[in-house]
Amino acid sequence: MIVLISRCLLGEKCRYDGGAKPCAAAIRFSKENECVPVCPEALSGLDIPRSPCEICGGDGNDVLCGKARVVAADGKDRTDEFIAGARSVLETAKICGAEVAVFKARSPSCGCGSIYDGTFSGMLRSGDGVAAALLRQNGIRVVTEEELDGSLGKES
């Protein structure tokens, strides 16, 4: 099984703040499985570092259908970049035959099941990030590093 995995979880400095979020379980998982590192936001051409972004008015599914926007804390609309990054990740998944993605929890791109609510207050809402939503719409299973417990072979 080929698995996409967030680059920041592997220790790569690609996050909005210029940092990484290395995750021991994700690093161990990547050494034991065939993984393809991805970062939707870096693939979109967004700068590192950059102003943090959140989805306003919904979740990634709403962004993809034009009902919500991805907005940076500095007020810039980054919707187009987030959609472009999600499409790049989907293309990567198709090329390599990935069936699963292990993504960074709560991210406006990669979050799965829970994302920040768009108010930059640290509050959460249910929903998926833009890339996670697009992958799920295309039949690719998405989990977060917090769910990386050896259950990837099981049905969700």
N, C-alpha and C. Protein backbone atom coordinates (compact mmCIF):
# COMPACT_ATOMS: atom_id res chain seq x y z
N MET A 1 0.85 -1.19 0.00
CA MET A 1 0.00 0.00 0.00
C MET A 1 0.89 1.24 0.00
N ILE A 2 0.61 2.15 -0.90
CA ILE A 2 1.33 3.43 -0.97
C ILE A 2 0.54 4.48 -0.20
N VAL A 3 1.24 5.25 0.62
CA VAL A 3 0.61 6.22 1.51
C VAL A 3 1.22 7.60 1.32
N LEU A 4 0.37 8.61 1.12
CA LEU A 4 0.83 10.00 1.15
C LEU A 4 1.01 10.37 2.61
N ILE A 5 2.00 11.21 2.89
CA ILE A 5 2.21 11.63 4.28
C ILE A 5 2.65 13.09 4.30
N SER A 6 2.11 13.85 5.24
CA SER A 6 2.46 15.27 5.35
C SER A 6 3.95 15.43 5.63
N ARG A 7 4.59 16.25 4.84
CA ARG A 7 6.03 16.49 4.99
C ARG A 7 6.39 17.04 6.36
N CYS A 8 5.55 17.89 6.91
CA CYS A 8 5.85 18.49 8.22
C CYS A 8 5.92 17.43 9.31
N LEU A 9 5.15 16.34 9.16
CA LEU A 9 5.17 15.26 10.15
C LEU A 9 6.48 14.49 10.12
N LEU A 10 7.18 14.59 8.99
CA LEU A 10 8.46 13.91 8.84
C LEU A 10 9.62 14.82 9.22
N GLY A 11 9.30 16.02 9.70
CA GLY A 11 10.33 16.94 10.17
C GLY A 11 10.75 17.99 9.16
N GLU A 12 10.10 18.05 8.01
CA GLU A 12 10.45 19.07 7.02
C GLU A 12 9.82 20.41 7.39
N LYS A 13 10.59 21.46 7.26
CA LYS A 13 10.15 22.81 7.64
C LYS A 13 9.36 23.45 6.51
N CYS A 14 8.07 23.10 6.44
CA CYS A 14 7.21 23.61 5.37
C CYS A 14 5.93 24.24 5.90
N ARG A 15 5.79 24.33 7.21
CA ARG A 15 4.59 24.91 7.79
C ARG A 15 4.53 26.42 7.61
N TYR A 16 3.36 26.99 7.86
CA TYR A 16 3.17 28.43 7.72
C TYR A 16 4.18 29.23 8.54
N ASP A 17 4.58 28.71 9.70
CA ASP A 17 5.49 29.43 10.59
C ASP A 17 6.96 29.13 10.30
N GLY A 18 7.21 28.39 9.23
CA GLY A 18 8.57 28.03 8.85
C GLY A 18 9.10 26.83 9.60
N GLY A 19 8.27 26.24 10.43
CA GLY A 19 8.70 25.10 11.22
C GLY A 19 8.17 23.78 10.70
N ALA A 20 8.37 22.76 11.49
CA ALA A 20 7.90 21.41 11.21
C ALA A 20 7.12 20.91 12.42
N LYS A 21 6.47 19.81 12.28
CA LYS A 21 5.77 19.15 13.39
C LYS A 21 6.14 17.67 13.38
N PRO A 22 7.44 17.38 13.62
CA PRO A 22 7.85 15.98 13.55
C PRO A 22 7.04 15.11 14.51
N CYS A 23 6.62 13.97 14.01
CA CYS A 23 5.80 13.04 14.77
C CYS A 23 6.50 11.69 14.74
N ALA A 24 6.90 11.21 15.90
CA ALA A 24 7.64 9.95 15.98
C ALA A 24 6.88 8.80 15.32
N ALA A 25 5.57 8.73 15.54
CA ALA A 25 4.79 7.65 14.94
C ALA A 25 4.78 7.76 13.42
N ALA A 26 4.67 8.97 12.88
CA ALA A 26 4.67 9.16 11.44
C ALA A 26 6.04 8.83 10.83
N ILE A 27 7.10 9.24 11.51
CA ILE A 27 8.45 8.95 11.03
C ILE A 27 8.68 7.44 11.02
N ARG A 28 8.30 6.78 12.09
CA ARG A 28 8.45 5.33 12.18
C ARG A 28 7.61 4.66 11.08
N PHE A 29 6.38 5.12 10.91
CA PHE A 29 5.48 4.57 9.89
C PHE A 29 6.10 4.73 8.50
N SER A 30 6.70 5.89 8.24
CA SER A 30 7.29 6.14 6.90
C SER A 30 8.48 5.23 6.62
N LYS A 31 9.15 4.78 7.66
CA LYS A 31 10.30 3.88 7.48
C LYS A 31 9.86 2.44 7.25
N GLU A 32 8.63 2.14 7.66
CA GLU A 32 8.12 0.77 7.56
C GLU A 32 7.17 0.57 6.38
N ASN A 33 6.83 1.66 5.68
CA ASN A 33 5.84 1.59 4.60
C ASN A 33 6.32 2.43 3.43
N GLU A 34 5.70 2.20 2.28
CA GLU A 34 6.02 3.00 1.10
C GLU A 34 5.23 4.30 1.16
N CYS A 35 5.93 5.38 1.50
CA CYS A 35 5.28 6.68 1.70
C CYS A 35 5.80 7.72 0.71
N VAL A 36 4.91 8.61 0.32
CA VAL A 36 5.24 9.72 -0.55
C VAL A 36 4.97 11.01 0.22
N PRO A 37 6.02 11.75 0.60
CA PRO A 37 5.82 12.99 1.35
C PRO A 37 5.21 14.09 0.47
N VAL A 38 4.21 14.80 1.01
CA VAL A 38 3.55 15.89 0.30
C VAL A 38 3.26 17.04 1.25
N CYS A 39 3.16 18.24 0.70
CA CYS A 39 2.66 19.40 1.43
C CYS A 39 1.82 20.22 0.47
N PRO A 40 0.50 20.19 0.60
CA PRO A 40 -0.36 20.92 -0.33
C PRO A 40 -0.04 22.41 -0.41
N GLU A 41 0.26 23.01 0.72
CA GLU A 41 0.51 24.45 0.74
C GLU A 41 1.82 24.79 0.05
N ALA A 42 2.85 23.99 0.25
CA ALA A 42 4.12 24.22 -0.45
C ALA A 42 3.95 23.96 -1.94
N LEU A 43 3.20 22.92 -2.30
CA LEU A 43 2.97 22.61 -3.71
C LEU A 43 2.23 23.73 -4.43
N SER A 44 1.44 24.50 -3.67
CA SER A 44 0.67 25.59 -4.27
C SER A 44 1.52 26.82 -4.55
N GLY A 45 2.74 26.83 -4.00
CA GLY A 45 3.62 27.98 -4.19
C GLY A 45 3.55 29.02 -3.09
N LEU A 46 2.81 28.73 -2.03
CA LEU A 46 2.75 29.68 -0.92
C LEU A 46 4.14 29.78 -0.26
N ASP A 47 4.45 30.98 0.21
CA ASP A 47 5.74 31.23 0.86
C ASP A 47 5.84 30.48 2.19
N ILE A 48 7.08 30.20 2.56
CA ILE A 48 7.41 29.64 3.87
C ILE A 48 8.45 30.57 4.46
N PRO A 49 8.17 31.24 5.58
CA PRO A 49 6.91 31.26 6.33
C PRO A 49 5.88 32.15 5.63
N ARG A 50 4.67 32.12 6.17
CA ARG A 50 3.55 32.90 5.63
C ARG A 50 2.56 33.13 6.77
N SER A 51 1.62 34.00 6.54
CA SER A 51 0.58 34.26 7.52
C SER A 51 -0.29 33.00 7.66
N PRO A 52 -0.68 32.64 8.89
CA PRO A 52 -1.53 31.46 9.05
C PRO A 52 -2.88 31.65 8.37
N CYS A 53 -3.46 30.54 7.92
CA CYS A 53 -4.74 30.57 7.23
C CYS A 53 -5.76 29.69 7.94
N GLU A 54 -7.02 30.05 7.77
CA GLU A 54 -8.12 29.23 8.25
C GLU A 54 -9.25 29.30 7.23
N ILE A 55 -10.11 28.30 7.26
CA ILE A 55 -11.26 28.26 6.37
C ILE A 55 -12.40 29.03 7.03
N CYS A 56 -12.93 30.00 6.31
CA CYS A 56 -14.04 30.83 6.81
C CYS A 56 -15.32 30.45 6.07
N GLY A 57 -16.35 30.12 6.83
CA GLY A 57 -17.65 29.85 6.24
C GLY A 57 -17.93 28.40 5.92
N GLY A 58 -17.13 27.48 6.46
CA GLY A 58 -17.37 26.07 6.20
C GLY A 58 -16.11 25.25 6.36
N ASP A 59 -16.00 24.20 5.56
CA ASP A 59 -14.82 23.35 5.59
C ASP A 59 -14.29 23.18 4.17
N GLY A 60 -13.36 22.24 4.00
CA GLY A 60 -12.74 22.04 2.70
C GLY A 60 -13.72 21.67 1.60
N ASN A 61 -14.75 20.90 1.94
CA ASN A 61 -15.77 20.58 0.93
C ASN A 61 -16.47 21.84 0.46
N ASP A 62 -16.75 22.75 1.40
CA ASP A 62 -17.40 24.01 1.05
C ASP A 62 -16.48 24.89 0.20
N VAL A 63 -15.18 24.87 0.49
CA VAL A 63 -14.22 25.62 -0.32
C VAL A 63 -14.23 25.10 -1.75
N LEU A 64 -14.19 23.77 -1.89
CA LEU A 64 -14.13 23.17 -3.22
C LEU A 64 -15.36 23.45 -4.06
N CYS A 65 -16.50 23.69 -3.42
CA CYS A 65 -17.71 24.00 -4.20
C CYS A 65 -18.05 25.49 -4.18
N GLY A 66 -17.11 26.32 -3.71
CA GLY A 66 -17.28 27.77 -3.79
C GLY A 66 -18.13 28.40 -2.70
N LYS A 67 -18.43 27.66 -1.63
CA LYS A 67 -19.28 28.20 -0.57
C LYS A 67 -18.50 28.75 0.61
N ALA A 68 -17.18 28.53 0.65
CA ALA A 68 -16.34 29.02 1.75
C ALA A 68 -15.01 29.47 1.16
N ARG A 69 -14.25 30.21 1.94
CA ARG A 69 -12.96 30.75 1.49
C ARG A 69 -11.86 30.39 2.49
N VAL A 70 -10.63 30.36 2.00
CA VAL A 70 -9.48 30.21 2.88
C VAL A 70 -8.85 31.59 3.00
N VAL A 71 -8.78 32.10 4.21
CA VAL A 71 -8.33 33.46 4.44
C VAL A 71 -7.15 33.44 5.42
N ALA A 72 -6.15 34.27 5.13
CA ALA A 72 -4.98 34.39 6.00
C ALA A 72 -5.29 35.37 7.13
N ALA A 73 -4.54 35.26 8.20
CA ALA A 73 -4.72 36.16 9.34
C ALA A 73 -4.49 37.61 8.95
N ASP A 74 -3.71 37.85 7.88
CA ASP A 74 -3.47 39.21 7.42
C ASP A 74 -4.57 39.70 6.47
N GLY A 75 -5.63 38.88 6.29
CA GLY A 75 -6.78 39.26 5.48
C GLY A 75 -6.72 38.84 4.02
N LYS A 76 -5.60 38.30 3.56
CA LYS A 76 -5.49 37.89 2.16
C LYS A 76 -6.28 36.61 1.90
N ASP A 77 -6.99 36.60 0.78
CA ASP A 77 -7.73 35.41 0.36
C ASP A 77 -6.74 34.44 -0.29
N ARG A 78 -6.63 33.25 0.25
CA ARG A 78 -5.69 32.23 -0.25
C ARG A 78 -6.44 31.01 -0.80
N THR A 79 -7.72 31.18 -1.10
CA THR A 79 -8.53 30.07 -1.58
C THR A 79 -7.93 29.42 -2.82
N ASP A 80 -7.56 30.22 -3.80
CA ASP A 80 -7.04 29.65 -5.05
C ASP A 80 -5.79 28.81 -4.81
N GLU A 81 -4.90 29.28 -3.94
CA GLU A 81 -3.67 28.54 -3.64
C GLU A 81 -3.98 27.22 -2.95
N PHE A 82 -4.93 27.23 -2.02
CA PHE A 82 -5.27 26.00 -1.31
C PHE A 82 -5.93 24.98 -2.24
N ILE A 83 -6.75 25.44 -3.16
CA ILE A 83 -7.35 24.52 -4.13
C ILE A 83 -6.27 23.98 -5.07
N ALA A 84 -5.36 24.83 -5.51
CA ALA A 84 -4.28 24.37 -6.39
C ALA A 84 -3.41 23.34 -5.68
N GLY A 85 -3.09 23.57 -4.42
CA GLY A 85 -2.30 22.61 -3.65
C GLY A 85 -3.03 21.28 -3.50
N ALA A 86 -4.31 21.34 -3.23
CA ALA A 86 -5.10 20.11 -3.10
C ALA A 86 -5.11 19.33 -4.40
N ARG A 87 -5.26 20.03 -5.51
CA ARG A 87 -5.26 19.36 -6.81
C ARG A 87 -3.90 18.72 -7.11
N SER A 88 -2.83 19.39 -6.72
CA SER A 88 -1.49 18.82 -6.91
C SER A 88 -1.31 17.55 -6.11
N VAL A 89 -1.81 17.55 -4.88
CA VAL A 89 -1.71 16.35 -4.04
C VAL A 89 -2.55 15.21 -4.62
N LEU A 90 -3.74 15.53 -5.12
CA LEU A 90 -4.57 14.51 -5.75
C LEU A 90 -3.86 13.92 -6.97
N GLU A 91 -3.25 14.77 -7.77
CA GLU A 91 -2.51 14.29 -8.93
C GLU A 91 -1.36 13.37 -8.51
N THR A 92 -0.66 13.76 -7.47
CA THR A 92 0.41 12.92 -6.93
C THR A 92 -0.14 11.56 -6.50
N ALA A 93 -1.27 11.58 -5.81
CA ALA A 93 -1.89 10.33 -5.36
C ALA A 93 -2.24 9.43 -6.54
N LYS A 94 -2.77 10.02 -7.59
CA LYS A 94 -3.14 9.23 -8.77
C LYS A 94 -1.91 8.65 -9.45
N ILE A 95 -0.86 9.45 -9.57
CA ILE A 95 0.36 9.00 -10.24
C ILE A 95 1.01 7.84 -9.49
N CYS A 96 1.08 7.95 -8.16
CA CYS A 96 1.77 6.92 -7.39
C CYS A 96 0.85 5.79 -6.92
N GLY A 97 -0.45 5.96 -7.10
CA GLY A 97 -1.40 4.92 -6.71
C GLY A 97 -1.68 4.87 -5.22
N ALA A 98 -1.57 6.01 -4.55
CA ALA A 98 -1.82 6.05 -3.10
C ALA A 98 -3.29 5.77 -2.80
N GLU A 99 -3.52 4.98 -1.77
CA GLU A 99 -4.87 4.66 -1.33
C GLU A 99 -5.22 5.35 -0.02
N VAL A 100 -4.18 5.85 0.68
CA VAL A 100 -4.34 6.43 2.00
C VAL A 100 -3.44 7.64 2.12
N ALA A 101 -3.86 8.61 2.95
CA ALA A 101 -3.01 9.76 3.29
C ALA A 101 -2.98 9.91 4.81
N VAL A 102 -1.79 10.16 5.34
CA VAL A 102 -1.62 10.48 6.76
C VAL A 102 -1.29 11.96 6.80
N PHE A 103 -2.21 12.76 7.28
CA PHE A 103 -2.10 14.22 7.20
C PHE A 103 -2.07 14.85 8.59
N LYS A 104 -1.59 16.09 8.64
CA LYS A 104 -1.50 16.86 9.87
C LYS A 104 -2.89 17.28 10.36
N ALA A 105 -3.18 16.92 11.58
CA ALA A 105 -4.48 17.24 12.18
C ALA A 105 -4.72 18.75 12.22
N ARG A 106 -5.97 19.12 12.02
CA ARG A 106 -6.50 20.47 12.18
C ARG A 106 -6.04 21.49 11.13
N SER A 107 -5.19 21.13 10.23
CA SER A 107 -4.69 22.03 9.19
C SER A 107 -5.80 22.42 8.21
N PRO A 108 -5.78 23.66 7.69
CA PRO A 108 -6.78 24.05 6.69
C PRO A 108 -6.62 23.29 5.37
N SER A 109 -5.47 22.68 5.16
CA SER A 109 -5.27 21.81 3.99
C SER A 109 -5.51 20.36 4.36
N CYS A 110 -4.85 19.91 5.41
CA CYS A 110 -4.74 18.49 5.71
C CYS A 110 -5.66 17.98 6.81
N GLY A 111 -6.26 18.86 7.57
CA GLY A 111 -7.10 18.44 8.68
C GLY A 111 -8.17 17.45 8.25
N CYS A 112 -8.46 16.52 9.11
CA CYS A 112 -9.43 15.47 8.80
C CYS A 112 -10.36 15.27 9.99
N GLY A 113 -11.61 15.66 9.82
CA GLY A 113 -12.60 15.52 10.89
C GLY A 113 -12.73 16.72 11.79
N SER A 114 -11.66 17.51 11.92
CA SER A 114 -11.66 18.68 12.79
C SER A 114 -10.65 19.70 12.26
N ILE A 115 -11.09 20.94 12.12
CA ILE A 115 -10.23 22.04 11.64
C ILE A 115 -10.51 23.27 12.49
N TYR A 116 -9.60 24.24 12.40
CA TYR A 116 -9.85 25.51 13.09
C TYR A 116 -11.04 26.21 12.45
N ASP A 117 -11.78 26.98 13.24
CA ASP A 117 -13.10 27.47 12.84
C ASP A 117 -13.13 28.74 11.99
N GLY A 118 -11.98 29.30 11.65
CA GLY A 118 -11.97 30.48 10.79
C GLY A 118 -11.94 31.79 11.53
N THR A 119 -11.87 31.75 12.86
CA THR A 119 -11.86 32.98 13.65
C THR A 119 -10.47 33.31 14.21
N PHE A 120 -9.50 32.43 13.97
CA PHE A 120 -8.13 32.59 14.49
C PHE A 120 -8.11 32.70 16.01
N SER A 121 -9.06 32.00 16.64
CA SER A 121 -9.18 32.03 18.10
C SER A 121 -8.72 30.72 18.74
N GLY A 122 -8.31 29.76 17.92
CA GLY A 122 -7.92 28.46 18.43
C GLY A 122 -9.09 27.50 18.60
N MET A 123 -10.30 27.96 18.28
CA MET A 123 -11.49 27.12 18.39
C MET A 123 -11.56 26.18 17.19
N LEU A 124 -12.13 24.99 17.42
CA LEU A 124 -12.25 23.98 16.37
C LEU A 124 -13.69 23.81 15.93
N ARG A 125 -13.85 23.29 14.74
CA ARG A 125 -15.17 22.91 14.20
C ARG A 125 -15.00 21.58 13.50
N SER A 126 -16.06 20.88 13.28
CA SER A 126 -15.97 19.62 12.54
C SER A 126 -15.79 19.95 11.05
N GLY A 127 -15.09 19.07 10.37
CA GLY A 127 -14.88 19.24 8.94
C GLY A 127 -13.47 18.85 8.54
N ASP A 128 -13.24 18.89 7.24
CA ASP A 128 -11.95 18.54 6.66
C ASP A 128 -11.29 19.75 6.03
N GLY A 129 -9.97 19.71 5.94
CA GLY A 129 -9.23 20.71 5.20
C GLY A 129 -9.45 20.51 3.70
N VAL A 130 -8.94 21.41 2.89
CA VAL A 130 -9.21 21.40 1.45
C VAL A 130 -8.62 20.15 0.78
N ALA A 131 -7.35 19.85 1.03
CA ALA A 131 -6.73 18.68 0.40
C ALA A 131 -7.36 17.39 0.91
N ALA A 132 -7.61 17.32 2.21
CA ALA A 132 -8.25 16.13 2.77
C ALA A 132 -9.62 15.90 2.13
N ALA A 133 -10.39 16.96 1.98
CA ALA A 133 -11.72 16.84 1.37
C ALA A 133 -11.63 16.34 -0.06
N LEU A 134 -10.69 16.91 -0.84
CA LEU A 134 -10.57 16.50 -2.25
C LEU A 134 -10.13 15.04 -2.36
N LEU A 135 -9.20 14.62 -1.52
CA LEU A 135 -8.79 13.22 -1.56
C LEU A 135 -9.96 12.31 -1.20
N ARG A 136 -10.68 12.66 -0.15
CA ARG A 136 -11.82 11.83 0.25
C ARG A 136 -12.88 11.77 -0.85
N GLN A 137 -13.12 12.89 -1.53
CA GLN A 137 -14.08 12.89 -2.63
C GLN A 137 -13.66 11.96 -3.75
N ASN A 138 -12.37 11.67 -3.80
CA ASN A 138 -11.83 10.80 -4.85
C ASN A 138 -11.47 9.41 -4.34
N GLY A 139 -12.05 9.03 -3.21
CA GLY A 139 -11.94 7.67 -2.72
C GLY A 139 -10.66 7.33 -1.98
N ILE A 140 -9.90 8.33 -1.58
CA ILE A 140 -8.66 8.10 -0.85
C ILE A 140 -8.93 8.30 0.64
N ARG A 141 -8.55 7.32 1.43
CA ARG A 141 -8.76 7.39 2.87
C ARG A 141 -7.78 8.38 3.48
N VAL A 142 -8.25 9.24 4.38
CA VAL A 142 -7.40 10.23 5.03
C VAL A 142 -7.52 10.05 6.55
N VAL A 143 -6.36 9.98 7.20
CA VAL A 143 -6.29 9.92 8.66
C VAL A 143 -5.27 10.96 9.11
N THR A 144 -5.33 11.32 10.38
CA THR A 144 -4.33 12.25 10.92
C THR A 144 -3.25 11.46 11.66
N GLU A 145 -2.18 12.15 11.97
CA GLU A 145 -1.11 11.52 12.74
C GLU A 145 -1.63 11.05 14.11
N GLU A 146 -2.67 11.67 14.59
CA GLU A 146 -3.24 11.30 15.88
C GLU A 146 -3.98 9.96 15.81
N GLU A 147 -4.30 9.53 14.60
CA GLU A 147 -4.99 8.26 14.40
C GLU A 147 -4.05 7.16 13.93
N LEU A 148 -2.79 7.49 13.82
CA LEU A 148 -1.80 6.56 13.28
C LEU A 148 -1.45 5.53 14.35
N ASP A 149 -2.27 4.49 14.40
CA ASP A 149 -2.13 3.49 15.46
C ASP A 149 -2.06 2.08 14.92
N GLY A 150 -1.70 1.96 13.65
CA GLY A 150 -1.63 0.63 13.06
C GLY A 150 -2.95 0.18 12.46
N SER A 151 -3.95 1.05 12.44
CA SER A 151 -5.27 0.66 11.94
C SER A 151 -5.46 0.98 10.46
N LEU A 152 -4.40 1.35 9.74
CA LEU A 152 -4.59 1.74 8.35
C LEU A 152 -5.08 0.62 7.47
N GLY A 153 -4.85 -0.61 7.83
CA GLY A 153 -5.34 -1.73 7.04
C GLY A 153 -6.81 -2.02 7.27
N LYS A 154 -7.39 -1.41 8.30
CA LYS A 154 -8.79 -1.66 8.64
C LYS A 154 -9.71 -0.70 7.90
N GLU A 155 -10.92 -1.10 7.69
CA GLU A 155 -11.91 -0.22 7.08
C GLU A 155 -12.33 0.85 8.06
N SER A 156 -12.53 2.07 7.55
CA SER A 156 -12.99 3.15 8.44
C SER A 156 -14.48 3.36 8.30
